[in-house]
Amino acid sequence: MAMKATSFFRVALIFPIVLPILLGPLSNSALATTLLLSLAFGGIQYVCFAIFLYIKVGRLGNAQRILNLSYWAPLFFIPVLAVGWLLGSLIWMGEMFHMTSFAVLVMLATYSLAISYAYVLVVNTLYWIFKSFGWIIDAPDEVI
């Protein structure tokens, strides 16, 4: 039985949370460490962003629109990451716009873009592979 494209992309939203958790204890590689750190420094922000994307993917319903959103999503995540990081700086250091926290934020945003686009590449490649085997259909899901 084929899965709808919207269902596939909704399920794929959990990969950035599940993959680091699974790889972390099983591997001592730089990749596993990087993914665990990405989850530690952006996990809460990602969960909030993923909830938004889950709803948005359901409303788009069209595979091509969802693919287009996937290419923009890493850029849209940067402000979410920044707000979380600045609020965290305010809570833990007592200063929201400390230059150290800003420098770390720039570094986190750069790594976040690289990691996010790697996930997008993997998910979109899997989508095209699964679609070519007939495991995914482009029929829209119901709008929630």
Foldseek 3Di string as FASTA:
>chain_A
DAAALLVLVLVLLCCLVPVLVVDQVVDPDPVSVLSVVLCVLCVVLSVVLSVVLNQVSQVVQFNVVNLVCLVCSLVVSLVSSLVVLLVVCCVPVVHRPDPVSVVVSVVSSVSSSVVSVVSSVVSVVVVVVCVVVVRYDSGGDHRD
